[in-house]
PDB file of N, CA and C in Angstrom:
ATOM      1  N   UNK A   1     -61.701 -32.372  45.709  1.00  0.00           N
ATOM      2  CA  UNK A   1     -61.955 -31.393  44.250  1.00  0.00           C
ATOM      3  C   UNK A   1     -63.021 -32.267  43.291  1.00  0.00           C
ATOM      4  N   UNK A   2     -63.924 -32.081  42.926  1.00  0.00           N
ATOM      5  CA  UNK A   2     -64.738 -31.614  41.787  1.00  0.00           C
ATOM      6  C   UNK A   2     -64.879 -31.238  40.324  1.00  0.00           C
ATOM      7  N   UNK A   3     -65.606 -31.153  39.824  1.00  0.00           N
ATOM      8  CA  UNK A   3     -65.580 -30.589  38.443  1.00  0.00           C
ATOM      9  C   UNK A   3     -66.578 -29.765  38.121  1.00  0.00           C
ATOM     10  N   UNK A   4     -65.867 -29.100  37.164  1.00  0.00           N
ATOM     11  CA  UNK A   4     -65.767 -27.287  36.738  1.00  0.00           C
ATOM     12  C   UNK A   4     -67.502 -27.284  36.377  1.00  0.00           C
ATOM     13  N   UNK A   5     -68.399 -26.517  37.025  1.00  0.00           N
ATOM     14  CA  UNK A   5     -69.269 -25.389  36.298  1.00  0.00           C
ATOM     15  C   UNK A   5     -69.266 -24.609  35.196  1.00  0.00           C
ATOM     16  N   UNK A   6     -69.973 -25.088  33.835  1.00  0.00           N
ATOM     17  CA  UNK A   6     -69.889 -23.929  32.816  1.00  0.00           C
ATOM     18  C   UNK A   6     -69.911 -22.322  33.975  1.00  0.00           C
ATOM     19  N   UNK A   7     -71.167 -22.016  34.555  1.00  0.00           N
ATOM     20  CA  UNK A   7     -70.746 -20.851  35.148  1.00  0.00           C
ATOM     21  C   UNK A   7     -70.071 -20.436  35.513  1.00  0.00           C
ATOM     22  N   UNK A   8     -69.397 -20.975  37.060  1.00  0.00           N
ATOM     23  CA  UNK A   8     -68.108 -21.140  37.375  1.00  0.00           C
ATOM     24  C   UNK A   8     -66.802 -20.471  36.845  1.00  0.00           C
ATOM     25  N   UNK A   9     -66.895 -21.448  35.284  1.00  0.00           N
ATOM     26  CA  UNK A   9     -65.598 -21.047  34.803  1.00  0.00           C
ATOM     27  C   UNK A   9     -65.994 -20.052  33.723  1.00  0.00           C
ATOM     28  N   UNK A  10     -67.622 -19.394  33.666  1.00  0.00           N
ATOM     29  CA  UNK A  10     -67.997 -18.398  33.180  1.00  0.00           C
ATOM     30  C   UNK A  10     -67.835 -16.736  34.285  1.00  0.00           C
ATOM     31  N   UNK A  11     -67.416 -17.494  34.745  1.00  0.00           N
ATOM     32  CA  UNK A  11     -67.961 -16.539  35.899  1.00  0.00           C
ATOM     33  C   UNK A  11     -66.091 -15.918  36.142  1.00  0.00           C
ATOM     34  N   UNK A  12     -66.040 -16.923  36.340  1.00  0.00           N
ATOM     35  CA  UNK A  12     -63.969 -16.862  36.184  1.00  0.00           C
ATOM     36  C   UNK A  12     -63.824 -15.567  35.296  1.00  0.00           C
ATOM     37  N   UNK A  13     -64.014 -15.936  33.899  1.00  0.00           N
ATOM     38  CA  UNK A  13     -63.734 -15.207  32.445  1.00  0.00           C
ATOM     39  C   UNK A  13     -64.474 -14.455  32.762  1.00  0.00           C
ATOM     40  N   UNK A  14     -65.456 -13.769  33.447  1.00  0.00           N
ATOM     41  CA  UNK A  14     -65.921 -12.185  33.464  1.00  0.00           C
ATOM     42  C   UNK A  14     -65.549 -11.269  33.993  1.00  0.00           C
ATOM     43  N   UNK A  15     -64.940 -12.411  35.960  1.00  0.00           N
ATOM     44  CA  UNK A  15     -63.890 -11.921  36.593  1.00  0.00           C
ATOM     45  C   UNK A  15     -62.580 -10.935  36.451  1.00  0.00           C
ATOM     46  N   UNK A  16     -62.465 -11.607  35.478  1.00  0.00           N
ATOM     47  CA  UNK A  16     -61.002 -11.396  34.674  1.00  0.00           C
ATOM     48  C   UNK A  16     -61.000 -10.057  33.520  1.00  0.00           C
ATOM     49  N   UNK A  17     -62.009 -10.827  32.704  1.00  0.00           N
ATOM     50  CA  UNK A  17     -62.299  -9.747  32.689  1.00  0.00           C
ATOM     51  C   UNK A  17     -62.575  -7.656  32.644  1.00  0.00           C
ATOM     52  N   UNK A  18     -63.522  -7.799  33.353  1.00  0.00           N
ATOM     53  CA  UNK A  18     -63.662  -6.992  34.720  1.00  0.00           C
ATOM     54  C   UNK A  18     -62.221  -6.089  35.038  1.00  0.00           C
ATOM     55  N   UNK A  19     -61.556  -7.463  35.945  1.00  0.00           N
ATOM     56  CA  UNK A  19     -59.872  -7.128  35.932  1.00  0.00           C
ATOM     57  C   UNK A  19     -59.208  -6.312  35.215  1.00  0.00           C
ATOM     58  N   UNK A  20     -58.997  -6.879  33.624  1.00  0.00           N
ATOM     59  CA  UNK A  20     -58.305  -5.786  32.887  1.00  0.00           C
ATOM     60  C   UNK A  20     -58.541  -4.755  32.662  1.00  0.00           C
ATOM     61  N   UNK A  21     -59.894  -4.458  32.428  1.00  0.00           N
ATOM     62  CA  UNK A  21     -60.285  -3.187  32.264  1.00  0.00           C
ATOM     63  C   UNK A  21     -59.365  -2.664  33.366  1.00  0.00           C
ATOM     64  N   UNK A  22     -60.534  -2.677  34.630  1.00  0.00           N
ATOM     65  CA  UNK A  22     -59.531  -1.659  35.579  1.00  0.00           C
ATOM     66  C   UNK A  22     -57.795  -1.447  35.459  1.00  0.00           C
ATOM     67  N   UNK A  23     -57.393  -2.305  35.416  1.00  0.00           N
ATOM     68  CA  UNK A  23     -56.025  -2.131  34.933  1.00  0.00           C
ATOM     69  C   UNK A  23     -55.770  -0.991  34.099  1.00  0.00           C
ATOM     70  N   UNK A  24     -56.022  -1.599  32.554  1.00  0.00           N
ATOM     71  CA  UNK A  24     -56.776  -0.506  31.143  1.00  0.00           C
ATOM     72  C   UNK A  24     -56.375   1.092  31.726  1.00  0.00           C
ATOM     73  N   UNK A  25     -57.287   0.384  33.036  1.00  0.00           N
ATOM     74  CA  UNK A  25     -57.423   2.405  32.860  1.00  0.00           C
ATOM     75  C   UNK A  25     -56.658   2.905  34.025  1.00  0.00           C
ATOM     76  N   UNK A  26     -56.309   2.251  34.803  1.00  0.00           N
ATOM     77  CA  UNK A  26     -55.464   1.920  35.726  1.00  0.00           C
ATOM     78  C   UNK A  26     -53.295   2.634  34.908  1.00  0.00           C
ATOM     79  N   UNK A  27     -53.196   2.118  34.812  1.00  0.00           N
ATOM     80  CA  UNK A  27     -52.097   1.272  33.574  1.00  0.00           C
ATOM     81  C   UNK A  27     -51.932   3.097  32.561  1.00  0.00           C
ATOM     82  N   UNK A  28     -53.442   3.679  32.316  1.00  0.00           N
ATOM     83  CA  UNK A  28     -53.812   4.474  31.035  1.00  0.00           C
ATOM     84  C   UNK A  28     -54.401   5.552  31.653  1.00  0.00           C
ATOM     85  N   UNK A  29     -54.883   5.523  32.820  1.00  0.00           N
ATOM     86  CA  UNK A  29     -54.786   7.146  33.223  1.00  0.00           C
ATOM     87  C   UNK A  29     -56.523   7.137  32.768  1.00  0.00           C
ATOM     88  N   UNK A  30     -57.205   7.053  32.328  1.00  0.00           N
ATOM     89  CA  UNK A  30     -58.022   6.927  31.631  1.00  0.00           C
ATOM     90  C   UNK A  30     -59.602   5.735  32.197  1.00  0.00           C
ATOM     91  N   UNK A  31     -60.952   6.483  31.840  1.00  0.00           N
ATOM     92  CA  UNK A  31     -61.867   5.832  31.770  1.00  0.00           C
ATOM     93  C   UNK A  31     -62.782   5.508  30.745  1.00  0.00           C
ATOM     94  N   UNK A  32     -63.093   6.002  30.101  1.00  0.00           N
ATOM     95  CA  UNK A  32     -64.343   5.019  29.304  1.00  0.00           C
ATOM     96  C   UNK A  32     -65.519   6.140  29.243  1.00  0.00           C
ATOM     97  N   UNK A  33     -66.170   6.748  29.131  1.00  0.00           N
ATOM     98  CA  UNK A  33     -67.523   8.086  29.154  1.00  0.00           C
ATOM     99  C   UNK A  33     -68.160   8.326  28.108  1.00  0.00           C
ATOM    100  N   UNK A  34     -69.144   7.369  27.873  1.00  0.00           N
ATOM    101  CA  UNK A  34     -70.034   7.544  26.857  1.00  0.00           C
ATOM    102  C   UNK A  34     -71.028   8.497  27.298  1.00  0.00           C
ATOM    103  N   UNK A  35     -71.461  10.082  25.885  1.00  0.00           N
ATOM    104  CA  UNK A  35     -71.712  11.379  26.615  1.00  0.00           C
ATOM    105  C   UNK A  35     -72.747  11.103  25.400  1.00  0.00           C
ATOM    106  N   UNK A  36     -74.179  11.429  25.137  1.00  0.00           N
ATOM    107  CA  UNK A  36     -74.939  11.166  24.229  1.00  0.00           C
ATOM    108  C   UNK A  36     -74.843  10.051  23.259  1.00  0.00           C
ATOM    109  N   UNK A  37     -74.433   9.984  21.773  1.00  0.00           N
ATOM    110  CA  UNK A  37     -74.778   9.509  21.063  1.00  0.00           C
ATOM    111  C   UNK A  37     -73.221   8.454  21.259  1.00  0.00           C
ATOM    112  N   UNK A  38     -72.289   8.921  20.841  1.00  0.00           N
ATOM    113  CA  UNK A  38     -70.433   9.040  21.472  1.00  0.00           C
ATOM    114  C   UNK A  38     -69.964   8.455  22.222  1.00  0.00           C
ATOM    115  N   UNK A  39     -68.985   7.489  22.794  1.00  0.00           N
ATOM    116  CA  UNK A  39     -68.263   7.663  23.668  1.00  0.00           C
ATOM    117  C   UNK A  39     -66.880   7.630  23.629  1.00  0.00           C
ATOM    118  N   UNK A  40     -65.475   8.091  24.517  1.00  0.00           N
ATOM    119  CA  UNK A  40     -64.602   8.293  23.722  1.00  0.00           C
ATOM    120  C   UNK A  40     -63.550   7.477  25.469  1.00  0.00           C
ATOM    121  N   UNK A  41     -62.130   7.703  25.123  1.00  0.00           N
ATOM    122  CA  UNK A  41     -61.494   8.414  27.225  1.00  0.00           C
ATOM    123  C   UNK A  41     -61.376   8.931  27.060  1.00  0.00           C
ATOM    124  N   UNK A  42     -61.382   9.333  28.683  1.00  0.00           N
ATOM    125  CA  UNK A  42     -61.467  10.322  29.249  1.00  0.00           C
ATOM    126  C   UNK A  42     -60.472  10.870  30.169  1.00  0.00           C
ATOM    127  N   UNK A  43     -59.164  11.530  30.108  1.00  0.00           N
ATOM    128  CA  UNK A  43     -58.809  11.488  31.225  1.00  0.00           C
ATOM    129  C   UNK A  43     -58.713  11.663  32.832  1.00  0.00           C
ATOM    130  N   UNK A  44     -58.660  11.000  33.895  1.00  0.00           N
ATOM    131  CA  UNK A  44     -58.509  10.721  35.569  1.00  0.00           C
ATOM    132  C   UNK A  44     -58.934  12.059  35.504  1.00  0.00           C
ATOM    133  N   UNK A  45     -58.463  12.791  35.013  1.00  0.00           N
ATOM    134  CA  UNK A  45     -57.839  14.415  35.411  1.00  0.00           C
ATOM    135  C   UNK A  45     -59.726  14.971  35.924  1.00  0.00           C
ATOM    136  N   UNK A  46     -59.925  14.775  34.224  1.00  0.00           N
ATOM    137  CA  UNK A  46     -61.155  15.318  34.024  1.00  0.00           C
ATOM    138  C   UNK A  46     -62.827  14.970  34.660  1.00  0.00           C
ATOM    139  N   UNK A  47     -62.444  13.132  34.800  1.00  0.00           N
ATOM    140  CA  UNK A  47     -63.734  12.787  35.354  1.00  0.00           C
ATOM    141  C   UNK A  47     -63.008  11.515  36.771  1.00  0.00           C
ATOM    142  N   UNK A  48     -62.565  12.462  37.293  1.00  0.00           N
ATOM    143  CA  UNK A  48     -62.121  11.590  38.860  1.00  0.00           C
ATOM    144  C   UNK A  48     -62.883  10.724  39.289  1.00  0.00           C
ATOM    145  N   UNK A  49     -64.683  11.603  39.793  1.00  0.00           N
ATOM    146  CA  UNK A  49     -65.164  10.486  39.990  1.00  0.00           C
ATOM    147  C   UNK A  49     -65.261   9.321  39.457  1.00  0.00           C
ATOM    148  N   UNK A  50     -65.888   8.993  38.018  1.00  0.00           N
ATOM    149  CA  UNK A  50     -66.506   8.056  37.054  1.00  0.00           C
ATOM    150  C   UNK A  50     -64.612   7.656  37.849  1.00  0.00           C
ATOM    151  N   UNK A  51     -63.337   8.014  37.666  1.00  0.00           N
ATOM    152  CA  UNK A  51     -62.555   6.194  37.903  1.00  0.00           C
ATOM    153  C   UNK A  51     -62.295   6.043  38.794  1.00  0.00           C
ATOM    154  N   UNK A  52     -62.227   7.102  40.447  1.00  0.00           N
ATOM    155  CA  UNK A  52     -62.709   6.140  41.359  1.00  0.00           C
ATOM    156  C   UNK A  52     -63.728   5.513  41.377  1.00  0.00           C
ATOM    157  N   UNK A  53     -64.885   5.764  40.958  1.00  0.00           N
ATOM    158  CA  UNK A  53     -65.861   4.956  40.767  1.00  0.00           C
ATOM    159  C   UNK A  53     -65.566   3.123  39.847  1.00  0.00           C
ATOM    160  N   UNK A  54     -65.112   3.290  39.152  1.00  0.00           N
ATOM    161  CA  UNK A  54     -64.626   2.514  38.263  1.00  0.00           C
ATOM    162  C   UNK A  54     -63.365   1.701  38.612  1.00  0.00           C
ATOM    163  N   UNK A  55     -63.037   2.742  39.188  1.00  0.00           N
ATOM    164  CA  UNK A  55     -61.578   1.245  39.649  1.00  0.00           C
ATOM    165  C   UNK A  55     -61.575   1.010  41.122  1.00  0.00           C
ATOM    166  N   UNK A  56     -62.692   1.441  41.822  1.00  0.00           N
ATOM    167  CA  UNK A  56     -63.492   0.862  42.823  1.00  0.00           C
ATOM    168  C   UNK A  56     -63.962  -0.212  42.819  1.00  0.00           C
ATOM    169  N   UNK A  57     -65.430  -0.015  42.265  1.00  0.00           N
ATOM    170  CA  UNK A  57     -66.711  -1.558  42.100  1.00  0.00           C
ATOM    171  C   UNK A  57     -66.008  -2.278  41.237  1.00  0.00           C
ATOM    172  N   UNK A  58     -64.724  -1.995  39.853  1.00  0.00           N
ATOM    173  CA  UNK A  58     -64.413  -3.084  39.000  1.00  0.00           C
ATOM    174  C   UNK A  58     -63.481  -3.912  40.089  1.00  0.00           C
ATOM    175  N   UNK A  59     -62.697  -3.560  40.799  1.00  0.00           N
ATOM    176  CA  UNK A  59     -61.755  -4.810  41.920  1.00  0.00           C
ATOM    177  C   UNK A  59     -62.833  -5.515  42.382  1.00  0.00           C
ATOM    178  N   UNK A  60     -63.589  -4.837  43.152  1.00  0.00           N
ATOM    179  CA  UNK A  60     -64.461  -5.503  43.772  1.00  0.00           C
ATOM    180  C   UNK A  60     -65.066  -6.024  43.317  1.00  0.00           C
ATOM    181  N   UNK A  61     -66.041  -6.150  42.047  1.00  0.00           N
ATOM    182  CA  UNK A  61     -66.546  -7.118  41.022  1.00  0.00           C
ATOM    183  C   UNK A  61     -66.423  -8.068  40.323  1.00  0.00           C
ATOM    184  N   UNK A  62     -64.940  -7.639  39.845  1.00  0.00           N
ATOM    185  CA  UNK A  62     -63.992  -8.446  39.390  1.00  0.00           C
ATOM    186  C   UNK A  62     -63.363 -10.051  40.846  1.00  0.00           C
ATOM    187  N   UNK A  63     -62.940  -9.754  41.560  1.00  0.00           N
ATOM    188  CA  UNK A  63     -62.275 -10.477  43.062  1.00  0.00           C
ATOM    189  C   UNK A  63     -64.107 -11.266  43.443  1.00  0.00           C
ATOM    190  N   UNK A  64     -64.323 -10.909  44.155  1.00  0.00           N
ATOM    191  CA  UNK A  64     -66.211 -11.438  43.656  1.00  0.00           C
ATOM    192  C   UNK A  64     -66.626 -12.025  43.254  1.00  0.00           C
ATOM    193  N   UNK A  65     -66.086 -12.450  42.125  1.00  0.00           N
ATOM    194  CA  UNK A  65     -67.191 -12.884  41.303  1.00  0.00           C
ATOM    195  C   UNK A  65     -66.187 -14.093  41.050  1.00  0.00           C
ATOM    196  N   UNK A  66     -64.427 -13.454  41.341  1.00  0.00           N
ATOM    197  CA  UNK A  66     -63.276 -15.049  41.404  1.00  0.00           C
ATOM    198  C   UNK A  66     -63.982 -15.808  42.396  1.00  0.00           C
ATOM    199  N   UNK A  67     -63.453 -15.049  43.824  1.00  0.00           N
ATOM    200  CA  UNK A  67     -63.721 -16.057  44.737  1.00  0.00           C
ATOM    201  C   UNK A  67     -65.010 -16.579  45.015  1.00  0.00           C
ATOM    202  N   UNK A  68     -65.871 -16.154  44.621  1.00  0.00           N
ATOM    203  CA  UNK A  68     -66.994 -16.491  44.194  1.00  0.00           C
ATOM    204  C   UNK A  68     -67.238 -18.143  43.483  1.00  0.00           C
ATOM    205  N   UNK A  69     -66.761 -18.160  42.273  1.00  0.00           N
ATOM    206  CA  UNK A  69     -66.626 -18.980  41.709  1.00  0.00           C
ATOM    207  C   UNK A  69     -65.514 -20.771  42.538  1.00  0.00           C
ATOM    208  N   UNK A  70     -64.907 -20.132  42.803  1.00  0.00           N
ATOM    209  CA  UNK A  70     -63.697 -20.563  43.402  1.00  0.00           C
ATOM    210  C   UNK A  70     -64.225 -21.474  44.707  1.00  0.00           C
ATOM    211  N   UNK A  71     -65.083 -20.609  45.547  1.00  0.00           N
ATOM    212  CA  UNK A  71     -65.433 -20.892  46.703  1.00  0.00           C
ATOM    213  C   UNK A  71     -66.459 -21.993  46.178  1.00  0.00           C
ATOM    214  N   UNK A  72     -67.413 -22.571  44.704  1.00  0.00           N
ATOM    215  CA  UNK A  72     -68.346 -22.974  44.014  1.00  0.00           C
ATOM    216  C   UNK A  72     -67.960 -24.002  43.899  1.00  0.00           C
ATOM    217  N   UNK A  73     -66.539 -24.185  43.093  1.00  0.00           N
ATOM    218  CA  UNK A  73     -65.903 -25.368  42.624  1.00  0.00           C
ATOM    219  C   UNK A  73     -65.531 -25.792  43.881  1.00  0.00           C
ATOM    220  N   UNK A  74     -64.903 -25.672  45.038  1.00  0.00           N
ATOM    221  CA  UNK A  74     -64.078 -25.997  46.099  1.00  0.00           C
ATOM    222  C   UNK A  74     -64.739 -27.355  46.771  1.00  0.00           C
ATOM    223  N   UNK A  75     -66.389 -26.497  47.345  1.00  0.00           N
ATOM    224  CA  UNK A  75     -67.285 -26.855  47.651  1.00  0.00           C
ATOM    225  C   UNK A  75     -68.163 -28.139  48.073  1.00  0.00           C
ATOM    226  N   UNK A  76     -67.964 -27.937  45.739  1.00  0.00           N
ATOM    227  CA  UNK A  76     -69.344 -29.367  45.436  1.00  0.00           C
ATOM    228  C   UNK A  76     -68.204 -30.455  45.846  1.00  0.00           C
TER     229      UNK A  76
END
């Protein structure tokens, strides 16, 4: 195992933040929608497509970022 690179630590941090956002959306059954100049939290029932894309995309991106950083750390 080798030293941690700043980029890898940052990537793990951002991946955790993305997964935390997805978790918050799932627990509250809401998604952040920005329409016009103001945005607000909207219920899952009204914006089901945005909710699904947020869940799927956020989960994939968050896990991908963390696994990529861990792979870089383990192969150095």
